[in-house]
N, C-alpha and C. Protein backbone atom coordinates (compact mmCIF):
# COMPACT_ATOMS: atom_id res chain seq x y z
N UNK A 1 1.09 -1.28 0.20
CA UNK A 1 -0.45 0.00 0.08
C UNK A 1 0.54 1.28 0.23
N UNK A 2 0.40 2.43 -0.50
CA UNK A 2 1.16 3.26 -0.91
C UNK A 2 -0.24 4.64 -0.60
N UNK A 3 0.01 5.73 -0.52
CA UNK A 3 -0.40 6.46 -0.52
C UNK A 3 -0.13 7.93 -1.32
N UNK A 4 -1.21 8.66 -2.27
CA UNK A 4 -1.08 10.02 -2.90
C UNK A 4 -1.68 10.97 -2.58
N UNK A 5 -1.14 11.76 -3.16
CA UNK A 5 -2.16 13.13 -3.23
C UNK A 5 -3.06 13.60 -4.07
N UNK A 6 -4.11 14.15 -3.79
CA UNK A 6 -4.99 14.70 -5.16
C UNK A 6 -5.55 16.16 -5.42
N UNK A 7 -6.03 16.56 -5.99
CA UNK A 7 -5.87 18.28 -6.23
C UNK A 7 -6.85 18.95 -5.07
N UNK A 8 -6.84 18.00 -3.85
CA UNK A 8 -6.90 19.01 -3.18
C UNK A 8 -5.97 19.75 -1.96
N UNK A 9 -4.50 18.89 -2.67
CA UNK A 9 -3.68 19.24 -2.12
C UNK A 9 -3.27 21.11 -1.61
N UNK A 10 -2.89 21.67 -0.22
CA UNK A 10 -2.89 23.36 -0.50
C UNK A 10 -1.10 23.46 -0.10
N UNK A 11 -0.63 22.59 -0.61
CA UNK A 11 1.11 22.93 -0.17
C UNK A 11 1.55 23.01 0.52
N UNK A 12 0.81 22.72 1.76
CA UNK A 12 1.47 23.06 3.08
C UNK A 12 3.06 22.65 3.93
N UNK A 13 3.02 21.41 3.00
CA UNK A 13 4.56 20.69 2.84
C UNK A 13 4.75 20.16 4.51
N UNK A 14 3.74 19.70 4.97
CA UNK A 14 3.53 18.64 6.39
C UNK A 14 3.73 17.89 6.32
N UNK A 15 3.96 16.95 5.08
CA UNK A 15 3.93 15.92 4.16
C UNK A 15 5.18 15.55 3.69
N UNK A 16 5.80 16.69 3.48
CA UNK A 16 7.80 16.11 2.92
C UNK A 16 7.90 16.40 4.70
N UNK A 17 7.73 17.13 5.99
CA UNK A 17 8.55 17.52 6.81
C UNK A 17 8.34 16.17 7.98
N UNK A 18 7.51 15.43 7.51
CA UNK A 18 7.13 13.90 8.50
C UNK A 18 7.61 12.87 7.70
N UNK A 19 7.91 13.13 6.23
CA UNK A 19 7.90 11.34 5.88
C UNK A 19 9.21 11.45 5.64
N UNK A 20 9.59 9.83 6.13
CA UNK A 20 10.66 9.48 7.20
C UNK A 20 11.92 8.48 5.43
N UNK A 21 11.30 8.47 4.50
CA UNK A 21 11.80 8.37 3.58
C UNK A 21 11.78 9.64 1.80
N UNK A 22 10.96 10.53 2.08
CA UNK A 22 11.16 11.69 1.34
C UNK A 22 10.44 11.55 0.24
N UNK A 23 9.49 10.25 0.10
CA UNK A 23 8.49 10.20 -0.83
C UNK A 23 7.30 11.63 -1.55
N UNK A 24 7.13 12.35 -0.41
CA UNK A 24 6.03 13.67 -1.25
C UNK A 24 7.26 14.57 -2.34
N UNK A 25 7.04 14.65 -3.40
CA UNK A 25 7.79 15.89 -3.69
C UNK A 25 6.43 16.98 -4.67
N UNK A 26 7.34 18.06 -4.86
CA UNK A 26 6.58 19.43 -5.16
C UNK A 26 6.54 18.94 -6.88
N UNK A 27 5.25 19.40 -7.33
CA UNK A 27 5.35 18.91 -9.33
C UNK A 27 4.68 20.43 -9.85
N UNK A 28 5.02 21.33 -8.96
CA UNK A 28 4.42 22.43 -9.80
C UNK A 28 3.56 23.63 -9.31
N UNK A 29 1.91 22.71 -8.54
CA UNK A 29 1.49 23.60 -7.95
C UNK A 29 0.85 22.52 -6.64
N UNK A 30 1.07 21.07 -6.56
CA UNK A 30 1.08 20.47 -5.61
C UNK A 30 1.95 19.74 -4.82
N UNK A 31 1.82 18.45 -4.14
CA UNK A 31 2.68 17.60 -3.14
C UNK A 31 2.84 15.87 -4.22
N UNK A 32 3.10 15.23 -4.62
CA UNK A 32 2.64 14.04 -4.84
C UNK A 32 3.93 13.41 -4.24
N UNK A 33 3.06 12.37 -4.20
CA UNK A 33 4.24 10.74 -3.47
C UNK A 33 4.10 9.86 -4.46
N UNK A 34 5.80 9.56 -4.79
CA UNK A 34 6.25 8.84 -5.64
C UNK A 34 5.97 7.21 -4.77
N UNK A 35 5.09 6.25 -5.58
CA UNK A 35 4.75 5.36 -4.82
C UNK A 35 6.07 3.82 -4.93
N UNK A 36 7.18 4.44 -5.26
CA UNK A 36 8.59 3.85 -5.59
C UNK A 36 8.91 3.64 -4.41
N UNK A 37 8.96 5.39 -3.92
CA UNK A 37 9.59 5.46 -2.48
C UNK A 37 8.60 5.48 -1.29
N UNK A 38 7.52 5.31 -1.52
CA UNK A 38 6.49 5.10 -0.24
C UNK A 38 6.96 4.24 0.50
N UNK A 39 6.66 3.67 1.74
CA UNK A 39 6.89 2.44 2.57
C UNK A 39 5.35 2.43 3.18
N UNK A 40 5.14 2.88 2.76
CA UNK A 40 3.35 3.37 3.39
C UNK A 40 2.89 2.57 4.57
N UNK A 41 4.05 4.11 5.79
CA UNK A 41 3.69 4.36 7.04
C UNK A 41 2.67 5.02 7.23
N UNK A 42 1.87 5.67 6.80
CA UNK A 42 0.28 6.69 6.57
C UNK A 42 0.86 8.20 7.54
N UNK A 43 1.87 7.84 7.75
CA UNK A 43 2.23 9.63 8.37
C UNK A 43 1.92 10.86 7.50
N UNK A 44 2.39 10.97 6.61
CA UNK A 44 2.08 12.20 5.32
C UNK A 44 0.06 12.24 5.78
N UNK A 45 -0.83 11.11 5.94
CA UNK A 45 -2.52 10.89 5.71
C UNK A 45 -2.23 11.54 7.29
N UNK A 46 -2.01 11.53 8.41
CA UNK A 46 -2.34 11.76 9.64
C UNK A 46 -2.14 13.04 9.42
N UNK A 47 -1.05 13.60 9.39
CA UNK A 47 -0.67 15.36 9.19
C UNK A 47 -0.92 16.14 8.05
N UNK A 48 -2.03 15.90 6.70
CA UNK A 48 -2.16 16.71 5.94
C UNK A 48 -3.49 17.43 6.46
N UNK A 49 -3.08 18.81 6.06
CA UNK A 49 -4.13 19.82 6.45
C UNK A 49 -5.95 19.70 5.44
N UNK A 50 -5.24 19.33 4.53
CA UNK A 50 -5.98 19.85 3.30
C UNK A 50 -6.65 18.60 3.37
N UNK A 51 -6.40 17.55 4.09
CA UNK A 51 -6.85 15.68 3.83
C UNK A 51 -6.99 15.69 2.49
N UNK A 52 -5.88 15.97 1.20
CA UNK A 52 -5.57 15.49 0.20
C UNK A 52 -4.84 13.81 -0.09
N UNK A 53 -4.42 13.61 0.66
CA UNK A 53 -3.90 12.39 1.05
C UNK A 53 -4.44 10.94 1.65
N UNK A 54 -4.67 9.90 0.55
CA UNK A 54 -5.18 8.76 1.11
C UNK A 54 -4.66 7.49 0.49
N UNK A 55 -5.04 6.64 0.79
CA UNK A 55 -3.90 5.21 0.64
C UNK A 55 -4.39 4.84 -0.82
N UNK A 56 -3.42 3.77 -0.59
CA UNK A 56 -3.83 3.73 -2.99
C UNK A 56 -4.78 2.88 -2.64
N UNK A 57 -5.95 1.96 -1.47
CA UNK A 57 -6.56 1.57 -1.59
C UNK A 57 -8.19 1.76 -1.36
N UNK A 58 -8.02 3.39 -0.94
CA UNK A 58 -9.19 4.50 -0.95
C UNK A 58 -9.72 4.55 -2.61
N UNK A 59 -11.06 4.81 -2.07
CA UNK A 59 -12.22 4.78 -3.53
C UNK A 59 -12.82 5.74 -3.41
N UNK A 60 -12.47 7.02 -4.07
CA UNK A 60 -13.15 8.19 -3.62
C UNK A 60 -14.18 8.23 -4.54
N UNK A 61 -15.16 8.56 -3.56
CA UNK A 61 -16.47 8.46 -3.75
C UNK A 61 -17.47 9.49 -5.28
N UNK A 62 -17.62 8.80 -6.23
CA UNK A 62 -18.00 9.32 -7.51
C UNK A 62 -18.81 11.03 -7.43
N UNK A 63 -18.17 11.83 -8.16
CA UNK A 63 -18.77 13.34 -7.82
C UNK A 63 -20.56 13.09 -8.90
N UNK A 64 -21.14 13.95 -8.26
CA UNK A 64 -22.77 13.64 -8.77
C UNK A 64 -22.18 14.05 -10.20
N UNK A 65 -23.52 13.82 -10.88
CA UNK A 65 -23.54 14.38 -12.55
C UNK A 65 -24.33 14.94 -13.54
N UNK A 66 -24.04 16.52 -13.05
CA UNK A 66 -25.21 17.53 -13.43
C UNK A 66 -25.20 17.32 -15.32
N UNK A 67 -26.51 17.62 -15.34
CA UNK A 67 -26.99 17.40 -17.32
C UNK A 67 -27.84 18.50 -17.24
N UNK A 68 -27.69 18.96 -18.13
CA UNK A 68 -28.73 20.57 -19.00
C UNK A 68 -29.78 20.00 -18.97
N UNK A 69 -30.95 20.47 -18.69
CA UNK A 69 -31.92 20.64 -19.20
C UNK A 69 -31.99 20.89 -20.69
N UNK A 70 -32.57 19.69 -21.50
CA UNK A 70 -33.13 19.98 -22.61
C UNK A 70 -34.20 20.66 -23.02
N UNK A 71 -34.27 22.08 -23.96
CA UNK A 71 -35.43 22.44 -23.89
C UNK A 71 -35.80 21.96 -25.98
N UNK A 72 -37.01 21.40 -26.12
CA UNK A 72 -37.18 21.35 -27.43
C UNK A 72 -38.63 21.89 -27.20
N UNK A 73 -37.89 22.75 -28.85
CA UNK A 73 -38.99 24.09 -29.35
C UNK A 73 -39.09 23.72 -30.90
N UNK A 74 -40.21 23.49 -31.31
CA UNK A 74 -40.26 23.42 -32.64
C UNK A 74 -40.72 24.52 -33.86
N UNK A 75 -39.56 24.45 -34.76
CA UNK A 75 -39.49 25.61 -35.75
C UNK A 75 -39.64 24.96 -37.06
N UNK A 76 -40.28 25.78 -38.40
CA UNK A 76 -39.84 25.61 -39.28
C UNK A 76 -38.12 25.43 -40.59
N UNK A 77 -37.83 26.47 -40.01
CA UNK A 77 -36.19 26.92 -40.66
C UNK A 77 -35.48 27.02 -39.55
N UNK A 78 -34.48 26.59 -39.31
CA UNK A 78 -33.09 26.56 -38.56
C UNK A 78 -31.90 26.95 -39.12
N UNK A 79 -31.58 27.85 -39.12
CA UNK A 79 -30.35 28.78 -39.69
C UNK A 79 -29.67 28.46 -38.41
N UNK A 80 -28.39 27.67 -38.98
CA UNK A 80 -26.72 27.93 -38.32
C UNK A 80 -25.50 28.44 -38.88
N UNK A 81 -24.68 28.80 -38.27
CA UNK A 81 -23.98 29.63 -38.49
C UNK A 81 -23.76 30.85 -38.79
């Protein structure tokens, strides 16, 4: 098991400060956790302020799908362009 960072990362650096093996690394706008280095201790998840770190076996809930209502009108001519 390893840990990964989501888009909720606020770049607080707490994961970097507590990780015993240096698995978290900054990738431009957030920290990501290298699964090749991560030993699965869970220390980073416990200190994550943004709740952005989860274990590899975590299944995120699906986001609701919002669909636009389609309005049907009748017409004789339709001009496109």
